[in-house]
Each structure stands twice: as structure tokens, then as C-alpha cells.
Amino acid sequence: MASEIRNADLWESGARKIEWVKRNMPLLRGIEQEFAAEKPFAGLRVALSVHLEAKTAYLCKVLAAGGAEMYVTGSNPLSTQDDVAAALVHDGLNVFAWYDATDEEYHRHISQVIDARPNVIIDDGGDLVNLIHNERPELIPDVIGGCEETTTGIIRLLAMDKAGALKFPMVLVNDADCKHLFDNRYGTGQSVWDGINRTTNLIVAGKNVVVAGYGWCGKGVAMRAKGLGAEVIVTEIDPIKAMEAVMDGFKVMPMREAAKIGDFFVTVTGCADVIGEEAFLNMKDGAICCNAGHFDVEVNMAKLREIAVDSYLARNNIMGYKLANGNTVFIIAEGRLVNLAAGDGHPAEIMDMSFAIQALSALHVVKNKGKLGKDGSMTVNVPAEVDREVALRKIASWGIEIDKLTEEQEKYLNGWEV
């Protein structure tokens, strides 16, 4: 076993966190029992780069129960929880991660994970896939395939696939209905405001909240802001999504106009420079910005540091940047993913579905070794039967039953003659 973590003595605290989420993740508990009995990953090395907190740790333990030799790192320098990392090491997993890693340390930890010559990749944002392709292409023949957790990573994978650069199959976990319809909307919606509220300790009711991007994550953030009593403004580049926002009861305007009236700003786009120099200079004194997209480029921190005349720590995890016009703009968690860099991420019950999809998709990759990607595309959709199986398991865990089609109804729906 190999590891590079901050403090191995923290393991008991991490173990308690993992046990807590396990109690609230019945789907993964069931999958863990199945994997332990069948050992589908026996003899395989799995490299995982996902936000390293308790729910991710439990996913790692589920895969390990299935026989996988786990090599684990984080997918964001500020989302790793050192006690959780220690708990995994205590349980015999290979972990390379710590909180507040420098760029050099973060890159080293990812490199240490792929040094194991992984057979299966579990990625969140595409860092493992990109590193293997760009810096360690000699590892590609060992990789059966993998899974990508988030929208941003899928954008990168699709671009690689289109260019013919993706050399092994990757399952697009985020595109599964049981992932993006629930994780992105309800998970992001709640966890973003958990992070903002615990960090700022300020009221949301009566404030103007600007949500940049109205995809499933943006819908969740806007819905929760409305529930907290805010006036919500949406900025968009897609006219269809803009129409959705209007019909959902929100104002829609360009960022240059929204910047003038916003109190809180949340970027949820997967793009870069969403809040840039023009927006910063238009903001009123005391505006608070944060990012809920994967990478720390949506709020243009480099530009803000360049135009600021002074900066200071205003509160733990909040930096104030004073501009030449006399106004101060506040940034939560350095513009990194606010729900994890300033909170504990999505609720356990939500990640139960997401990680059930992840675990079963990894199983699909292994069971179909050499078969995926034969259609000319290395990006693979989650099988519909996996999506449905997770949904059925979830509602069963709630004690809910649903109707089933009768033979006559099946015939009616599948026929063309009335």
C-alpha cells in the first residue's frame, strides 16, 4: 500500500463521516453486498479522481469490496477532507491527496494515482483522462475504460472524441437521468446554498441573486434561491434556456446589466470568464461572487487580482477585493467549487443515486471489455437498464410502489393497429 496524505492519525474522524453517509446511502449498501459476493473487479486496478469527502470514500470502499485495488485522489485542491483520506488509508486503500494542495502537489497526486497503471478510470472533470493522454500515453493500453462524473468532464471528453483523440471508452455518467436530473438539480441546488450560507452567515431573503447558466445545475440553484426568498436573475447564452427561465418566473438579462443589481452571484456554466472585468467594475459595493462549476475559471480570478488595488481576508474562506472605483467585491472559496470548497457537497441521499450509477457503469465497462467504442465513438451512454435499475432501487428504498403495464397495455403502446 502507498499513500501521501496530510495526517494518518485523523482516521477515526473520517471513519465516522463515512459511516454516517453509509447509513443514508441504501443503494450503495446493496451494491456493496453484491460486489463483495461476486468480486467483479478482482485483479483490476481502479484509479479514482473525485472530490474526496465521505460519500466518495464510501464509493471507493464499495469498489474495493468488489475486489478492486483502489488508487484514489481528489478532483479539487479545496474539496479533499484530510480525515476522510486518512480513513481510507487506514482501511488499506492507496490515497494521494490533501486539502489545499498547491498546483504542483495536485498534479503530483494525480500522477501518483496513474503510476499504478490503472485498468479502470473514475474521473470527475477529466483530469485523469487528460493526464494519461497528454503526458503518459504509454498507459493507454492498460486502460479498459472508465466513467466521467460531471458535465465539465463530459464536455472535454466529447471534444476529445470528436477530434479522434480519446483512445479508450468512457461512460458519460452525468448524462444518465438518475444523475443529472437529481444530482445536478436537487444536489447542486441545496449544496451550493449550504456552502454560501455557512460561509457568509448572511440573509438571502430580499436579496438579488444572479445565476449564470440555466442548465440543470442552474435550475437547482435558482429554485433554491427563490425558496430562500431571493429575487432571481438568470444570465444565459441559449435562447431556449432563457425562455425556460422566464417561464419559471425569473428575470433574464445580460451579465453586464445583472452585475449592477446583484447581491449574490453564482456561476454554473462550465465556461470561462463568465464574470470578468466588465462585470466586476459594474458591481455594487459588497457584492458576493462564487462558482458552482467544476473549474475555477468561471469567475475570472486572475483578472480580478489584476484590477484590484487591495485584497484582504474578510472572513474565513472569503476574500475581499477593493477596486479603483472604491467598491469591494467578495469571493467565496477562491472561485473554486463552492459547494465542496465551502461545504460538504451534495446530500448523501442524492450521491447515493449518482454513485450507484457510477459503480454500475464501471461494472458495465469491465463486463464489456473490448466491446465498447466499436461504433466509432469512445464516449458511451449509461445503459438505459442501469438507469432504470437505479431508479427502481431508489423508490424501493423509500417504500414506494409504482404501477406496471398490463399485457394489454404493452400491446397497445407497442402496436400500430388500433
Protein backbone atom coordinates (compact mmCIF):
# COMPACT_ATOMS: atom_id res chain seq x y z
CA MET A 1 0.00 0.00 0.00
CA ALA A 2 1.20 3.51 -0.87
CA SER A 3 -0.14 6.89 0.16
CA GLU A 4 0.61 10.58 0.51
CA ILE A 5 -1.83 12.23 2.89
CA ARG A 6 -1.66 15.01 5.45
CA ASN A 7 -2.15 13.15 8.73
CA ALA A 8 -2.87 9.44 9.15
CA ASP A 9 -3.88 9.98 12.78
CA LEU A 10 -7.13 11.68 11.69
CA TRP A 11 -8.66 8.40 10.51
CA GLU A 12 -11.23 7.96 13.31
CA SER A 13 -12.96 11.25 12.46
CA GLY A 14 -13.05 10.28 8.80
CA ALA A 15 -14.39 6.83 9.60
CA ARG A 16 -17.32 8.37 11.50
CA LYS A 17 -18.14 10.56 8.50
CA ILE A 18 -18.08 7.57 6.16
CA GLU A 19 -20.27 5.52 8.48
CA TRP A 20 -22.81 8.39 8.63
CA VAL A 21 -23.18 8.65 4.86
CA LYS A 22 -23.28 4.85 4.54
CA ARG A 23 -26.39 4.84 6.77
CA ASN A 24 -28.04 7.18 4.27
CA MET A 25 -26.92 5.50 1.04
CA PRO A 26 -29.04 2.32 0.77
CA LEU A 27 -28.37 1.79 -2.94
CA LEU A 28 -24.61 1.67 -2.45
CA ARG A 29 -25.05 -0.60 0.57
CA GLY A 30 -26.92 -3.07 -1.63
CA ILE A 31 -24.33 -2.81 -4.41
CA GLU A 32 -21.54 -3.30 -1.86
CA GLN A 33 -23.10 -6.60 -0.78
CA GLU A 34 -23.42 -7.74 -4.41
CA PHE A 35 -19.86 -6.72 -5.26
CA ALA A 36 -18.47 -8.41 -2.13
CA ALA A 37 -20.12 -11.68 -3.15
CA GLU A 38 -19.22 -11.55 -6.86
CA LYS A 39 -15.81 -9.74 -6.85
CA PRO A 40 -16.28 -8.33 -10.40
CA PHE A 41 -13.16 -6.12 -10.13
CA ALA A 42 -10.82 -8.80 -8.81
CA GLY A 43 -7.31 -8.32 -10.19
CA LEU A 44 -8.10 -4.84 -11.55
CA ARG A 45 -6.56 -1.51 -10.60
CA VAL A 46 -9.05 1.36 -10.39
CA ALA A 47 -7.86 4.98 -10.44
CA LEU A 48 -10.38 7.43 -9.00
CA SER A 49 -10.26 11.24 -9.02
CA VAL A 50 -13.43 12.61 -7.43
CA HIS A 51 -13.99 15.20 -4.69
CA LEU A 52 -12.52 13.33 -1.75
CA GLU A 53 -15.08 13.54 1.01
CA ALA A 54 -17.13 10.92 2.85
CA LYS A 55 -19.56 9.96 0.08
CA THR A 56 -16.74 9.46 -2.41
CA ALA A 57 -14.85 7.47 0.20
CA TYR A 58 -17.78 5.10 0.55
CA LEU A 59 -17.86 4.61 -3.23
CA CYS A 60 -14.16 3.72 -3.03
CA LYS A 61 -14.90 1.14 -0.33
CA VAL A 62 -17.73 -0.34 -2.42
CA LEU A 63 -15.39 -0.79 -5.39
CA ALA A 64 -12.73 -2.24 -3.10
CA ALA A 65 -15.32 -4.70 -1.76
CA GLY A 66 -15.71 -5.80 -5.38
CA GLY A 67 -12.04 -6.74 -5.49
CA ALA A 68 -10.62 -3.55 -6.98
CA GLU A 69 -7.18 -2.34 -5.98
CA MET A 70 -8.03 1.32 -5.39
CA TYR A 71 -5.79 4.31 -6.16
CA VAL A 72 -7.53 7.47 -5.01
CA THR A 73 -7.01 11.21 -5.31
CA GLY A 74 -9.21 14.31 -5.22
CA SER A 75 -10.53 16.36 -8.12
CA ASN A 76 -10.23 19.79 -6.49
CA PRO A 77 -7.48 21.12 -4.16
CA LEU A 78 -10.02 22.55 -1.70
CA SER A 79 -12.54 19.69 -1.53
CA THR A 80 -10.34 16.96 -0.05
CA GLN A 81 -11.08 16.23 3.61
CA ASP A 82 -7.90 15.06 5.32
CA ASP A 83 -9.64 12.91 7.91
CA VAL A 84 -11.57 11.06 5.20
CA ALA A 85 -8.36 10.45 3.24
CA ALA A 86 -6.80 9.07 6.43
CA ALA A 87 -9.75 6.73 6.99
CA LEU A 88 -9.33 5.21 3.53
CA VAL A 89 -5.62 4.68 4.11
CA HIS A 90 -6.44 3.04 7.44
CA ASP A 91 -8.72 0.66 5.52
CA GLY A 92 -5.91 -0.29 3.17
CA LEU A 93 -6.59 1.89 0.12
CA ASN A 94 -3.90 3.82 -1.76
CA VAL A 95 -4.63 7.54 -1.36
CA PHE A 96 -2.71 10.57 -2.66
CA ALA A 97 -4.45 13.81 -1.70
CA TRP A 98 -4.67 16.55 0.88
CA TYR A 99 -6.62 19.72 1.49
CA ASP A 100 -5.35 23.00 -0.03
CA ALA A 101 -2.83 21.33 -2.32
CA THR A 102 -0.66 23.59 -4.44
CA ASP A 103 -0.84 23.19 -8.22
CA GLU A 104 2.39 21.19 -8.08
CA GLU A 105 1.10 18.93 -5.29
CA TYR A 106 -2.24 18.42 -7.02
CA HIS A 107 -0.52 17.36 -10.24
CA ARG A 108 1.83 15.07 -8.31
CA HIS A 109 -1.05 13.34 -6.57
CA ILE A 110 -2.86 12.69 -9.84
CA SER A 111 0.39 11.40 -11.34
CA GLN A 112 0.92 9.05 -8.40
CA VAL A 113 -2.53 7.56 -8.97
CA ILE A 114 -1.89 6.78 -12.62
CA ASP A 115 1.59 5.45 -11.85
CA ALA A 116 -0.32 2.32 -10.79
CA ARG A 117 -1.12 1.67 -14.47
CA PRO A 118 -4.90 1.63 -13.91
CA ASN A 119 -7.31 -0.60 -15.77
CA VAL A 120 -10.44 1.43 -14.94
CA ILE A 121 -10.77 5.22 -14.61
CA ILE A 122 -13.33 7.00 -12.40
CA ASP A 123 -12.98 10.70 -13.25
CA ASP A 124 -14.61 13.97 -12.22
CA GLY A 125 -13.63 16.79 -14.56
CA GLY A 126 -11.39 14.74 -16.82
CA ASP A 127 -8.03 15.25 -15.09
CA LEU A 128 -7.04 11.57 -15.10
CA VAL A 129 -8.06 11.06 -18.72
CA ASN A 130 -6.24 14.20 -19.86
CA LEU A 131 -3.08 13.37 -17.95
CA ILE A 132 -2.92 9.85 -19.37
CA HIS A 133 -3.48 11.04 -22.93
CA ASN A 134 -1.24 14.10 -22.80
CA GLU A 135 1.61 13.05 -20.51
CA ARG A 136 1.50 9.26 -20.10
CA PRO A 137 0.21 7.76 -23.36
CA GLU A 138 2.16 4.56 -22.68
CA LEU A 139 -0.50 3.75 -20.07
CA ILE A 140 -3.37 3.73 -22.58
CA PRO A 141 -3.12 0.01 -23.49
CA ASP A 142 -3.73 -0.93 -19.84
CA VAL A 143 -7.00 1.01 -19.63
CA ILE A 144 -10.17 -0.98 -20.29
CA GLY A 145 -12.28 2.20 -19.99
CA GLY A 146 -13.85 4.43 -17.40
CA CYS A 147 -16.61 6.72 -16.24
CA GLU A 148 -16.94 10.52 -16.08
CA GLU A 149 -18.96 12.07 -13.29
CA THR A 150 -19.64 15.67 -14.27
CA THR A 151 -20.81 17.98 -17.05
CA THR A 152 -17.46 19.73 -17.42
CA GLY A 153 -15.63 16.45 -17.84
CA ILE A 154 -18.12 15.29 -20.45
CA ILE A 155 -17.56 18.49 -22.43
CA ARG A 156 -13.83 17.67 -22.51
CA LEU A 157 -14.45 14.03 -23.44
CA LEU A 158 -16.82 14.89 -26.28
CA ALA A 159 -14.27 17.35 -27.68
CA MET A 160 -11.54 14.70 -27.48
CA ASP A 161 -13.79 12.09 -29.09
CA LYS A 162 -14.78 14.43 -31.92
CA ALA A 163 -11.10 15.09 -32.62
CA GLY A 164 -10.33 11.36 -32.57
CA ALA A 165 -8.06 11.85 -29.55
CA LEU A 166 -9.90 9.70 -27.00
CA LYS A 167 -8.25 6.29 -27.00
CA PHE A 168 -10.41 4.27 -24.59
CA PRO A 169 -14.17 4.19 -23.92
CA MET A 170 -15.62 6.49 -21.25
CA VAL A 171 -19.17 6.21 -19.93
CA LEU A 172 -20.94 9.59 -19.65
CA VAL A 173 -22.33 9.12 -16.13
CA ASN A 174 -23.58 12.70 -15.82
CA ASP A 175 -25.92 12.21 -18.78
CA ALA A 176 -27.86 9.44 -17.02
CA ASP A 177 -31.32 10.57 -15.93
CA CYS A 178 -30.72 9.31 -12.39
CA LYS A 179 -27.64 11.53 -12.28
CA HIS A 180 -28.27 14.91 -13.89
CA LEU A 181 -31.99 15.21 -13.18
CA PHE A 182 -31.40 14.76 -9.44
CA ASP A 183 -27.73 15.32 -8.58
CA ASN A 184 -27.40 18.43 -10.74
CA ARG A 185 -30.76 19.96 -9.87
CA TYR A 186 -31.51 18.98 -6.27
CA GLY A 187 -27.98 18.20 -5.14
CA THR A 188 -26.37 21.33 -6.55
CA GLY A 189 -29.36 23.45 -5.59
CA GLN A 190 -29.10 22.53 -1.92
CA SER A 191 -25.33 22.17 -1.53
CA VAL A 192 -24.49 25.49 -3.19
CA TRP A 193 -26.66 27.36 -0.73
CA ASP A 194 -25.35 25.25 2.14
CA GLY A 195 -21.87 26.45 1.21
CA ILE A 196 -22.86 30.09 0.75
CA ASN A 197 -24.94 30.29 3.91
CA ARG A 198 -22.46 28.63 6.25
CA THR A 199 -19.59 30.73 4.84
CA THR A 200 -21.24 34.16 4.76
CA ASN A 201 -23.80 33.88 7.59
CA LEU A 202 -25.91 36.41 5.67
CA ILE A 203 -29.61 36.50 4.84
CA VAL A 204 -30.68 35.52 1.33
CA ALA A 205 -34.30 36.68 1.55
CA GLY A 206 -34.83 40.04 -0.07
CA LYS A 207 -31.52 39.91 -1.95
CA ASN A 208 -30.92 39.84 -5.70
CA VAL A 209 -29.32 36.55 -6.72
CA VAL A 210 -27.73 36.29 -10.17
CA VAL A 211 -27.44 32.74 -11.51
CA ALA A 212 -25.20 32.44 -14.57
CA GLY A 213 -26.34 29.44 -16.59
CA TYR A 214 -29.73 27.72 -16.60
CA GLY A 215 -28.85 24.10 -17.18
CA TRP A 216 -29.89 21.50 -14.65
CA CYS A 217 -27.46 22.83 -12.05
CA GLY A 218 -28.54 26.42 -12.65
CA LYS A 219 -32.18 25.43 -12.39
CA GLY A 220 -31.50 23.92 -8.97
CA VAL A 221 -29.55 26.94 -7.71
CA ALA A 222 -32.25 29.34 -8.92
CA MET A 223 -35.07 27.24 -7.46
CA ARG A 224 -33.43 27.11 -4.03
CA ALA A 225 -32.62 30.84 -4.12
CA LYS A 226 -36.27 31.54 -4.83
CA GLY A 227 -37.24 29.29 -1.94
CA LEU A 228 -34.96 31.27 0.35
CA GLY A 229 -36.82 34.45 -0.60
CA ALA A 230 -34.47 35.98 -3.15
CA GLU A 231 -35.27 37.81 -6.35
CA VAL A 232 -33.57 35.67 -9.00
CA ILE A 233 -31.95 36.90 -12.19
CA VAL A 234 -30.65 34.44 -14.80
CA THR A 235 -27.99 35.10 -17.43
CA GLU A 236 -27.82 32.77 -20.42
CA ILE A 237 -26.39 32.33 -23.93
CA ASP A 238 -29.02 29.77 -25.00
CA PRO A 239 -32.37 31.27 -26.07
CA ILE A 240 -34.26 28.07 -25.23
CA LYS A 241 -32.91 28.01 -21.67
CA ALA A 242 -33.57 31.74 -21.39
CA MET A 243 -37.21 31.10 -22.28
CA GLU A 244 -37.37 28.36 -19.65
CA ALA A 245 -36.05 30.77 -17.04
CA VAL A 246 -38.64 33.40 -17.95
CA MET A 247 -41.47 30.88 -17.81
CA ASP A 248 -40.17 29.63 -14.47
CA GLY A 249 -40.68 33.15 -13.16
CA PHE A 250 -37.16 34.58 -13.29
CA LYS A 251 -35.78 37.74 -14.87
CA VAL A 252 -33.30 37.25 -17.71
CA MET A 253 -30.69 39.80 -18.77
CA PRO A 254 -27.04 40.02 -19.85
CA MET A 255 -24.36 39.81 -17.18
CA ARG A 256 -23.34 43.44 -17.75
CA GLU A 257 -26.82 44.50 -16.59
CA ALA A 258 -27.24 41.87 -13.89
CA ALA A 259 -23.89 42.90 -12.41
CA LYS A 260 -25.32 46.29 -11.45
CA ILE A 261 -28.06 44.90 -9.21
CA GLY A 262 -26.84 41.54 -7.92
CA ASP A 263 -26.05 40.89 -4.26
CA PHE A 264 -25.04 37.24 -4.73
CA PHE A 265 -23.59 35.82 -7.95
CA VAL A 266 -23.37 32.08 -8.69
CA THR A 267 -21.77 30.80 -11.91
CA VAL A 268 -22.97 27.39 -13.13
CA THR A 269 -21.88 27.21 -16.77
CA GLY A 270 -18.77 25.10 -17.33
CA CYS A 271 -17.35 28.03 -19.33
CA ALA A 272 -14.57 30.55 -18.62
CA ASP A 273 -14.66 34.31 -17.89
CA VAL A 274 -18.39 34.31 -17.17
CA ILE A 275 -17.83 37.05 -14.61
CA GLY A 276 -14.98 39.21 -15.88
CA GLU A 277 -13.61 42.72 -15.69
CA GLU A 278 -16.71 44.49 -17.03
CA ALA A 279 -18.95 42.74 -14.53
CA PHE A 280 -16.62 43.36 -11.57
CA LEU A 281 -16.47 47.08 -12.33
CA ASN A 282 -20.26 47.27 -12.62
CA MET A 283 -20.92 45.52 -9.30
CA LYS A 284 -22.11 47.42 -6.28
CA ASP A 285 -20.06 47.62 -3.11
CA GLY A 286 -20.27 44.36 -1.16
CA ALA A 287 -21.33 42.06 -3.98
CA ILE A 288 -20.52 38.40 -3.26
CA CYS A 289 -19.43 36.02 -6.02
CA CYS A 290 -18.95 32.28 -6.07
CA ASN A 291 -18.66 29.47 -8.58
CA ALA A 292 -20.58 26.20 -8.75
CA GLY A 293 -18.91 24.95 -11.94
CA HIS A 294 -16.12 22.39 -11.79
CA PHE A 295 -13.10 24.57 -12.62
CA ASP A 296 -12.11 27.89 -11.05
CA VAL A 297 -12.26 29.87 -14.30
CA GLU A 298 -15.90 30.96 -14.42
CA VAL A 299 -15.24 33.83 -12.02
CA ASN A 300 -12.13 35.36 -13.60
CA MET A 301 -9.91 35.49 -10.53
CA ALA A 302 -6.76 36.35 -12.48
CA LYS A 303 -8.42 39.48 -13.89
CA LEU A 304 -9.90 40.44 -10.51
CA ARG A 305 -6.49 40.22 -8.84
CA GLU A 306 -5.04 42.29 -11.66
CA ILE A 307 -7.54 45.15 -11.36
CA ALA A 308 -7.86 45.14 -7.56
CA VAL A 309 -5.98 47.86 -5.67
CA ASP A 310 -6.09 45.88 -2.43
CA SER A 311 -7.22 42.49 -1.11
CA TYR A 312 -7.79 41.05 2.34
CA LEU A 313 -9.28 38.10 4.19
CA ALA A 314 -12.76 39.31 5.12
CA ARG A 315 -13.92 36.09 6.79
CA ASN A 316 -12.75 32.50 6.74
CA ASN A 317 -12.87 31.39 3.07
CA ILE A 318 -13.97 34.85 1.84
CA MET A 319 -11.54 37.28 0.23
CA GLY A 320 -12.35 40.95 -0.34
CA TYR A 321 -11.00 42.74 -3.41
CA LYS A 322 -11.10 46.53 -3.39
CA LEU A 323 -11.38 48.13 -6.82
CA ALA A 324 -10.23 51.52 -8.05
CA ASN A 325 -13.83 52.79 -8.01
CA GLY A 326 -13.90 52.31 -4.23
CA ASN A 327 -16.18 49.25 -4.25
CA THR A 328 -15.24 45.90 -2.75
CA VAL A 329 -16.16 42.57 -4.34
CA PHE A 330 -16.09 39.44 -2.17
CA ILE A 331 -15.17 35.98 -3.46
CA ILE A 332 -16.04 32.73 -1.69
CA ALA A 333 -13.52 29.84 -1.75
CA GLU A 334 -11.15 31.46 -4.26
CA GLY A 335 -13.71 30.96 -7.01
CA ARG A 336 -13.50 27.20 -6.67
CA LEU A 337 -16.47 24.85 -6.46
CA VAL A 338 -18.44 26.49 -3.65
CA ASN A 339 -20.49 23.52 -2.51
CA LEU A 340 -17.36 21.48 -1.82
CA ALA A 341 -14.68 24.10 -1.17
CA ALA A 342 -17.02 25.81 1.30
CA GLY A 343 -19.25 22.89 2.29
CA ASP A 344 -19.65 19.11 2.32
CA GLY A 345 -21.03 18.73 -1.18
CA HIS A 346 -24.30 17.13 -2.22
CA PRO A 347 -26.52 15.36 0.33
CA ALA A 348 -25.78 11.67 0.88
CA GLU A 349 -29.17 10.53 -0.46
CA ILE A 350 -28.52 12.33 -3.76
CA MET A 351 -24.99 10.95 -4.16
CA ASP A 352 -26.39 7.50 -3.42
CA MET A 353 -28.03 7.62 -6.85
CA SER A 354 -25.07 9.24 -8.60
CA PHE A 355 -22.53 6.81 -7.20
CA ALA A 356 -24.83 3.84 -7.80
CA ILE A 357 -24.79 4.86 -11.47
CA GLN A 358 -21.02 5.26 -11.23
CA ALA A 359 -20.47 1.82 -9.68
CA LEU A 360 -22.78 0.01 -12.09
CA SER A 361 -21.29 1.87 -15.07
CA ALA A 362 -17.81 0.77 -14.00
CA LEU A 363 -19.16 -2.77 -13.86
CA HIS A 364 -20.59 -2.32 -17.38
CA VAL A 365 -17.15 -1.25 -18.64
CA VAL A 366 -15.46 -4.31 -17.15
CA LYS A 367 -18.12 -6.77 -18.34
CA ASN A 368 -17.89 -5.38 -21.87
CA LYS A 369 -14.12 -5.22 -22.14
CA GLY A 370 -13.10 -4.81 -25.76
CA LYS A 371 -16.68 -4.29 -26.96
CA LEU A 372 -17.31 -0.61 -26.17
CA GLY A 373 -16.32 2.01 -28.72
CA LYS A 374 -16.70 -0.34 -31.67
CA ASP A 375 -19.23 2.04 -33.27
CA GLY A 376 -16.51 4.63 -33.87
CA SER A 377 -17.21 6.69 -30.75
CA MET A 378 -15.32 6.31 -27.48
CA THR A 379 -17.99 8.16 -25.48
CA VAL A 380 -20.60 5.73 -24.18
CA ASN A 381 -24.04 6.44 -22.75
CA VAL A 382 -25.12 4.82 -19.49
CA PRO A 383 -27.25 1.82 -20.50
CA ALA A 384 -30.97 2.52 -20.10
CA GLU A 385 -31.37 -0.62 -18.00
CA VAL A 386 -28.78 0.69 -15.50
CA ASP A 387 -30.63 4.00 -15.22
CA ARG A 388 -33.94 2.20 -14.68
CA GLU A 389 -32.44 -0.25 -12.19
CA VAL A 390 -31.10 2.61 -10.05
CA ALA A 391 -34.48 4.37 -10.16
CA LEU A 392 -36.31 1.20 -9.12
CA ARG A 393 -33.88 0.58 -6.28
CA LYS A 394 -34.25 4.17 -5.10
CA ILE A 395 -38.04 4.25 -4.94
CA ALA A 396 -37.99 0.82 -3.27
CA SER A 397 -35.69 2.25 -0.59
CA TRP A 398 -38.38 4.91 0.02
CA GLY A 399 -41.05 2.24 0.38
CA ILE A 400 -42.79 3.43 -2.79
CA GLU A 401 -44.51 1.15 -5.31
CA ILE A 402 -45.47 2.13 -8.84
CA ASP A 403 -47.83 0.64 -11.40
CA LYS A 404 -46.79 -1.86 -14.06
CA LEU A 405 -48.15 -2.15 -17.55
CA THR A 406 -50.57 -5.00 -18.20
CA GLU A 407 -50.08 -7.23 -21.24
CA GLU A 408 -52.90 -5.36 -22.96
CA GLN A 409 -51.28 -2.01 -22.24
CA GLU A 410 -47.91 -3.25 -23.53
CA LYS A 411 -49.61 -4.40 -26.71
CA TYR A 412 -51.40 -1.08 -27.10
CA LEU A 413 -48.26 1.01 -26.64
CA ASN A 414 -46.08 -1.14 -28.88
CA GLY A 415 -48.58 -1.72 -31.68
CA TRP A 416 -49.77 0.45 -34.52
CA GLU A 417 -53.12 -1.12 -35.24
CA VAL A 418 -55.95 0.18 -33.02
